[in-house]
């Protein structure tokens, strides 16, 4: 089972994950039957190809900037901004610059 973080502990997401040159890093924060929360860092130009999931997903950008395509519509999401990706709708992410995000996926 993947390591998750202890509850009732102060977390600083920006400091909890580093960048990897030319890569993507992820750390699972929480996981249970309702869904999961994962912290990611993406190097510039990195991303996730188009896919869909059975979960509604909230992306919170905590550093940098990402282009997120949802159902064919492009959105630029910057530090301090969030967007909801609806379940079953195809979506993709592309790092306009290095970025860190918190992804919260919840079963509908």
N, C-alpha and C. Protein backbone atom coordinates (compact mmCIF):
# COMPACT_ATOMS: atom_id res chain seq x y z
N UNK A 1 0.85 -1.19 0.00
CA UNK A 1 0.00 0.00 0.00
C UNK A 1 0.89 1.24 0.00
N UNK A 2 0.47 2.23 -0.74
CA UNK A 2 1.24 3.48 -0.85
C UNK A 2 1.23 4.23 0.47
N UNK A 3 2.34 4.92 0.75
CA UNK A 3 2.44 5.70 1.97
C UNK A 3 1.56 6.95 1.84
N UNK A 4 0.81 7.22 2.87
CA UNK A 4 0.06 8.47 2.96
C UNK A 4 0.56 9.20 4.19
N UNK A 5 0.12 10.42 4.36
CA UNK A 5 0.63 11.25 5.44
C UNK A 5 -0.26 11.16 6.66
N UNK A 6 0.38 11.28 7.81
CA UNK A 6 -0.32 11.17 9.08
C UNK A 6 -1.33 12.30 9.23
N UNK A 7 -2.48 11.97 9.76
CA UNK A 7 -3.53 12.97 10.00
C UNK A 7 -3.15 13.85 11.19
N UNK A 8 -3.77 15.01 11.27
CA UNK A 8 -3.53 15.99 12.34
C UNK A 8 -2.08 16.46 12.34
N UNK A 9 -1.50 16.56 11.12
CA UNK A 9 -0.13 17.03 10.95
C UNK A 9 -0.16 18.21 9.99
N UNK A 10 0.56 19.26 10.31
CA UNK A 10 0.64 20.43 9.45
C UNK A 10 1.38 20.08 8.16
N UNK A 11 0.79 20.42 7.01
CA UNK A 11 1.38 20.11 5.70
C UNK A 11 1.59 21.39 4.91
N UNK A 12 2.73 21.51 4.26
CA UNK A 12 3.01 22.62 3.35
C UNK A 12 3.24 22.00 1.99
N UNK A 13 2.20 21.97 1.16
CA UNK A 13 2.27 21.25 -0.11
C UNK A 13 3.37 21.78 -1.03
N UNK A 14 3.57 23.06 -1.05
CA UNK A 14 4.59 23.65 -1.92
C UNK A 14 5.98 23.10 -1.57
N UNK A 15 6.24 22.90 -0.28
CA UNK A 15 7.55 22.43 0.16
C UNK A 15 7.67 20.91 0.19
N UNK A 16 6.56 20.20 0.08
CA UNK A 16 6.56 18.75 0.24
C UNK A 16 6.97 17.98 -1.01
N UNK A 17 7.11 18.68 -2.14
CA UNK A 17 7.44 17.99 -3.38
C UNK A 17 8.42 18.83 -4.17
N UNK A 18 9.38 18.16 -4.79
CA UNK A 18 10.38 18.83 -5.62
C UNK A 18 10.10 18.52 -7.08
N UNK A 19 10.75 19.25 -7.96
CA UNK A 19 10.67 18.99 -9.39
C UNK A 19 11.71 17.96 -9.78
N UNK A 20 11.44 17.25 -10.87
CA UNK A 20 12.39 16.33 -11.48
C UNK A 20 12.61 16.81 -12.91
N UNK A 21 13.85 17.08 -13.29
CA UNK A 21 14.13 17.56 -14.64
C UNK A 21 13.56 16.58 -15.67
N UNK A 22 12.68 17.11 -16.54
CA UNK A 22 12.08 16.30 -17.60
C UNK A 22 11.08 15.28 -17.12
N UNK A 23 10.57 15.45 -15.91
CA UNK A 23 9.69 14.42 -15.36
C UNK A 23 8.52 14.92 -14.56
N UNK A 24 7.83 13.95 -13.98
CA UNK A 24 6.65 14.17 -13.15
C UNK A 24 6.88 13.43 -11.84
N UNK A 25 6.54 14.09 -10.72
CA UNK A 25 6.66 13.47 -9.40
C UNK A 25 5.28 13.50 -8.75
N UNK A 26 4.91 12.42 -8.07
CA UNK A 26 3.62 12.41 -7.36
C UNK A 26 3.81 11.84 -5.96
N UNK A 27 3.00 12.35 -5.03
CA UNK A 27 2.97 11.85 -3.65
C UNK A 27 1.51 11.76 -3.23
N UNK A 28 1.10 10.58 -2.84
CA UNK A 28 -0.27 10.40 -2.38
C UNK A 28 -0.41 10.95 -0.97
N UNK A 29 -1.37 11.83 -0.77
CA UNK A 29 -1.60 12.46 0.53
C UNK A 29 -2.61 11.65 1.34
N UNK A 30 -3.73 11.30 0.71
CA UNK A 30 -4.79 10.51 1.36
C UNK A 30 -5.46 9.63 0.34
N UNK A 31 -5.98 8.50 0.80
CA UNK A 31 -6.76 7.62 -0.06
C UNK A 31 -7.73 6.83 0.80
N UNK A 32 -8.99 6.80 0.36
CA UNK A 32 -9.99 5.95 1.01
C UNK A 32 -11.07 5.62 -0.01
N UNK A 33 -12.15 4.99 0.44
CA UNK A 33 -13.19 4.54 -0.49
C UNK A 33 -13.89 5.68 -1.22
N UNK A 34 -13.84 6.90 -0.69
CA UNK A 34 -14.50 8.04 -1.32
C UNK A 34 -13.67 8.65 -2.45
N UNK A 35 -12.34 8.45 -2.42
CA UNK A 35 -11.47 9.02 -3.44
C UNK A 35 -10.06 9.18 -2.92
N UNK A 36 -9.32 10.11 -3.52
CA UNK A 36 -7.94 10.30 -3.09
C UNK A 36 -7.47 11.72 -3.35
N UNK A 37 -6.38 12.09 -2.68
CA UNK A 37 -5.75 13.39 -2.84
C UNK A 37 -4.27 13.12 -3.12
N UNK A 38 -3.77 13.70 -4.23
CA UNK A 38 -2.40 13.46 -4.65
C UNK A 38 -1.74 14.79 -4.99
N UNK A 39 -0.50 14.93 -4.56
CA UNK A 39 0.31 16.11 -4.85
C UNK A 39 1.22 15.76 -6.02
N UNK A 40 1.30 16.67 -7.01
CA UNK A 40 2.12 16.44 -8.20
C UNK A 40 3.05 17.62 -8.45
N UNK A 41 4.19 17.34 -9.08
CA UNK A 41 5.01 18.38 -9.69
C UNK A 41 5.33 17.92 -11.12
N UNK A 42 5.28 18.87 -12.05
CA UNK A 42 5.55 18.60 -13.46
C UNK A 42 6.61 19.58 -13.94
N UNK A 43 7.61 19.08 -14.66
CA UNK A 43 8.57 19.97 -15.28
C UNK A 43 7.90 20.66 -16.47
N UNK A 44 8.46 21.78 -16.91
CA UNK A 44 7.91 22.50 -18.06
C UNK A 44 7.81 21.55 -19.26
N UNK A 45 6.67 21.59 -19.95
CA UNK A 45 6.45 20.75 -21.11
C UNK A 45 5.91 19.37 -20.79
N UNK A 46 5.95 18.97 -19.53
CA UNK A 46 5.42 17.67 -19.14
C UNK A 46 3.91 17.78 -18.89
N UNK A 47 3.23 16.65 -18.85
CA UNK A 47 1.80 16.67 -18.61
C UNK A 47 1.21 15.27 -18.58
N UNK A 48 -0.08 15.22 -18.78
CA UNK A 48 -0.82 13.97 -18.87
C UNK A 48 -1.61 13.99 -20.16
N UNK A 49 -1.50 12.92 -20.95
CA UNK A 49 -2.24 12.86 -22.20
C UNK A 49 -3.73 12.71 -21.93
N UNK A 50 -4.53 12.94 -22.95
CA UNK A 50 -5.99 12.93 -22.79
C UNK A 50 -6.46 11.58 -22.25
N UNK A 51 -7.32 11.66 -21.25
CA UNK A 51 -7.91 10.48 -20.62
C UNK A 51 -9.18 10.91 -19.90
N UNK A 52 -9.93 9.97 -19.39
CA UNK A 52 -11.10 10.29 -18.56
C UNK A 52 -11.10 9.35 -17.37
N UNK A 53 -11.80 9.75 -16.32
CA UNK A 53 -11.89 8.94 -15.11
C UNK A 53 -13.34 8.93 -14.62
N UNK A 54 -13.70 7.99 -13.78
CA UNK A 54 -15.06 7.97 -13.22
C UNK A 54 -15.23 8.91 -12.03
N UNK A 55 -14.21 9.74 -11.75
CA UNK A 55 -14.25 10.65 -10.60
C UNK A 55 -14.34 12.10 -11.05
N UNK A 56 -15.06 12.93 -10.28
CA UNK A 56 -14.91 14.37 -10.41
C UNK A 56 -13.55 14.69 -9.81
N UNK A 57 -12.83 15.64 -10.42
CA UNK A 57 -11.48 15.94 -9.95
C UNK A 57 -11.27 17.44 -9.85
N UNK A 58 -10.79 17.88 -8.70
CA UNK A 58 -10.45 19.28 -8.48
C UNK A 58 -8.95 19.42 -8.58
N UNK A 59 -8.50 20.31 -9.49
CA UNK A 59 -7.08 20.63 -9.61
C UNK A 59 -6.87 21.99 -8.97
N UNK A 60 -5.96 22.05 -8.00
CA UNK A 60 -5.56 23.30 -7.36
C UNK A 60 -4.09 23.53 -7.69
N UNK A 61 -3.79 24.57 -8.45
CA UNK A 61 -2.40 24.87 -8.81
C UNK A 61 -1.77 25.64 -7.66
N UNK A 62 -0.68 25.09 -7.11
CA UNK A 62 -0.04 25.73 -5.96
C UNK A 62 1.26 26.43 -6.34
N UNK A 63 1.70 26.21 -7.58
CA UNK A 63 2.89 26.91 -8.08
C UNK A 63 2.93 26.75 -9.60
N UNK A 64 3.26 27.81 -10.32
CA UNK A 64 3.43 27.73 -11.76
C UNK A 64 2.14 27.88 -12.54
N UNK A 65 2.14 27.29 -13.77
CA UNK A 65 1.01 27.47 -14.68
C UNK A 65 0.87 26.24 -15.57
N UNK A 66 -0.37 25.82 -15.80
CA UNK A 66 -0.68 24.63 -16.60
C UNK A 66 -1.83 24.92 -17.55
N UNK A 67 -1.78 24.30 -18.72
CA UNK A 67 -2.91 24.35 -19.64
C UNK A 67 -3.67 23.05 -19.48
N UNK A 68 -4.95 23.16 -19.14
CA UNK A 68 -5.80 21.99 -18.93
C UNK A 68 -6.90 22.02 -19.99
N UNK A 69 -7.00 20.94 -20.75
CA UNK A 69 -8.04 20.81 -21.76
C UNK A 69 -9.12 19.89 -21.20
N UNK A 70 -10.35 20.37 -21.19
CA UNK A 70 -11.49 19.59 -20.69
C UNK A 70 -12.54 19.56 -21.78
N UNK A 71 -12.84 18.38 -22.28
CA UNK A 71 -13.84 18.26 -23.33
C UNK A 71 -13.52 19.12 -24.55
N UNK A 72 -12.23 19.25 -24.87
CA UNK A 72 -11.80 20.02 -26.04
C UNK A 72 -11.60 21.50 -25.79
N UNK A 73 -11.98 22.02 -24.62
CA UNK A 73 -11.83 23.44 -24.31
C UNK A 73 -10.59 23.65 -23.44
N UNK A 74 -9.70 24.57 -23.87
CA UNK A 74 -8.46 24.83 -23.15
C UNK A 74 -8.64 25.91 -22.08
N UNK A 75 -8.00 25.66 -20.93
CA UNK A 75 -8.02 26.60 -19.81
C UNK A 75 -6.59 26.74 -19.30
N UNK A 76 -6.14 27.97 -19.10
CA UNK A 76 -4.85 28.19 -18.46
C UNK A 76 -5.12 28.44 -16.99
N UNK A 77 -4.52 27.62 -16.14
CA UNK A 77 -4.74 27.68 -14.70
C UNK A 77 -3.41 28.03 -14.04
N UNK A 78 -3.40 29.11 -13.25
CA UNK A 78 -2.19 29.62 -12.64
C UNK A 78 -2.21 29.43 -11.13
N UNK A 79 -1.06 29.66 -10.53
CA UNK A 79 -0.90 29.56 -9.08
C UNK A 79 -2.05 30.26 -8.36
N UNK A 80 -2.65 29.55 -7.40
CA UNK A 80 -3.76 30.10 -6.63
C UNK A 80 -5.12 29.86 -7.25
N UNK A 81 -5.15 29.29 -8.46
CA UNK A 81 -6.42 29.03 -9.14
C UNK A 81 -6.71 27.53 -9.15
N UNK A 82 -8.00 27.21 -9.33
CA UNK A 82 -8.45 25.82 -9.35
C UNK A 82 -9.45 25.63 -10.47
N UNK A 83 -9.63 24.38 -10.88
CA UNK A 83 -10.64 24.04 -11.87
C UNK A 83 -11.14 22.63 -11.57
N UNK A 84 -12.41 22.39 -11.86
CA UNK A 84 -13.00 21.07 -11.65
C UNK A 84 -13.11 20.37 -12.99
N UNK A 85 -12.57 19.16 -13.06
CA UNK A 85 -12.69 18.32 -14.25
C UNK A 85 -13.80 17.31 -13.98
N UNK A 86 -14.89 17.38 -14.73
CA UNK A 86 -16.02 16.48 -14.47
C UNK A 86 -15.71 15.02 -14.81
N UNK A 87 -16.30 14.13 -14.06
CA UNK A 87 -16.15 12.69 -14.32
C UNK A 87 -16.57 12.37 -15.75
N UNK A 88 -15.89 11.43 -16.34
CA UNK A 88 -16.14 10.84 -17.67
C UNK A 88 -15.87 11.79 -18.85
N UNK A 89 -15.52 13.04 -18.61
CA UNK A 89 -15.21 13.98 -19.69
C UNK A 89 -13.70 13.91 -19.95
N UNK A 90 -13.28 13.69 -21.20
CA UNK A 90 -11.85 13.62 -21.50
C UNK A 90 -11.13 14.92 -21.12
N UNK A 91 -9.94 14.77 -20.54
CA UNK A 91 -9.15 15.93 -20.14
C UNK A 91 -7.67 15.60 -20.29
N UNK A 92 -6.84 16.66 -20.40
CA UNK A 92 -5.40 16.52 -20.54
C UNK A 92 -4.73 17.72 -19.87
N UNK A 93 -3.48 17.55 -19.47
CA UNK A 93 -2.71 18.62 -18.82
C UNK A 93 -1.39 18.80 -19.54
N UNK A 94 -0.96 20.07 -19.69
CA UNK A 94 0.33 20.38 -20.30
C UNK A 94 0.98 21.53 -19.54
N UNK A 95 2.19 21.31 -19.07
CA UNK A 95 2.89 22.32 -18.29
C UNK A 95 3.40 23.46 -19.14
N UNK A 96 2.74 24.61 -19.06
CA UNK A 96 3.20 25.82 -19.75
C UNK A 96 4.54 26.23 -19.17
N UNK A 97 4.69 26.02 -17.86
CA UNK A 97 5.94 26.19 -17.14
C UNK A 97 5.93 25.12 -16.05
N UNK A 98 7.00 25.01 -15.31
CA UNK A 98 6.98 24.07 -14.17
C UNK A 98 5.79 24.39 -13.30
N UNK A 99 5.11 23.35 -12.81
CA UNK A 99 3.98 23.60 -11.92
C UNK A 99 3.81 22.48 -10.91
N UNK A 100 3.19 22.87 -9.79
CA UNK A 100 2.81 21.92 -8.75
C UNK A 100 1.30 22.03 -8.57
N UNK A 101 0.67 20.89 -8.36
CA UNK A 101 -0.78 20.91 -8.18
C UNK A 101 -1.19 19.86 -7.16
N UNK A 102 -2.33 20.13 -6.56
CA UNK A 102 -2.98 19.18 -5.68
C UNK A 102 -4.20 18.68 -6.41
N UNK A 103 -4.33 17.38 -6.57
CA UNK A 103 -5.44 16.76 -7.28
C UNK A 103 -6.31 16.02 -6.28
N UNK A 104 -7.58 16.42 -6.19
CA UNK A 104 -8.55 15.75 -5.32
C UNK A 104 -9.58 15.06 -6.19
N UNK A 105 -9.63 13.74 -6.11
CA UNK A 105 -10.58 12.95 -6.91
C UNK A 105 -11.62 12.36 -5.97
N UNK A 106 -12.91 12.58 -6.32
CA UNK A 106 -14.01 12.12 -5.48
C UNK A 106 -14.99 11.31 -6.30
N UNK A 107 -15.36 10.14 -5.80
CA UNK A 107 -16.36 9.31 -6.47
C UNK A 107 -17.71 10.01 -6.46
N UNK A 108 -18.39 9.96 -7.58
CA UNK A 108 -19.69 10.59 -7.71
C UNK A 108 -20.81 9.73 -7.21
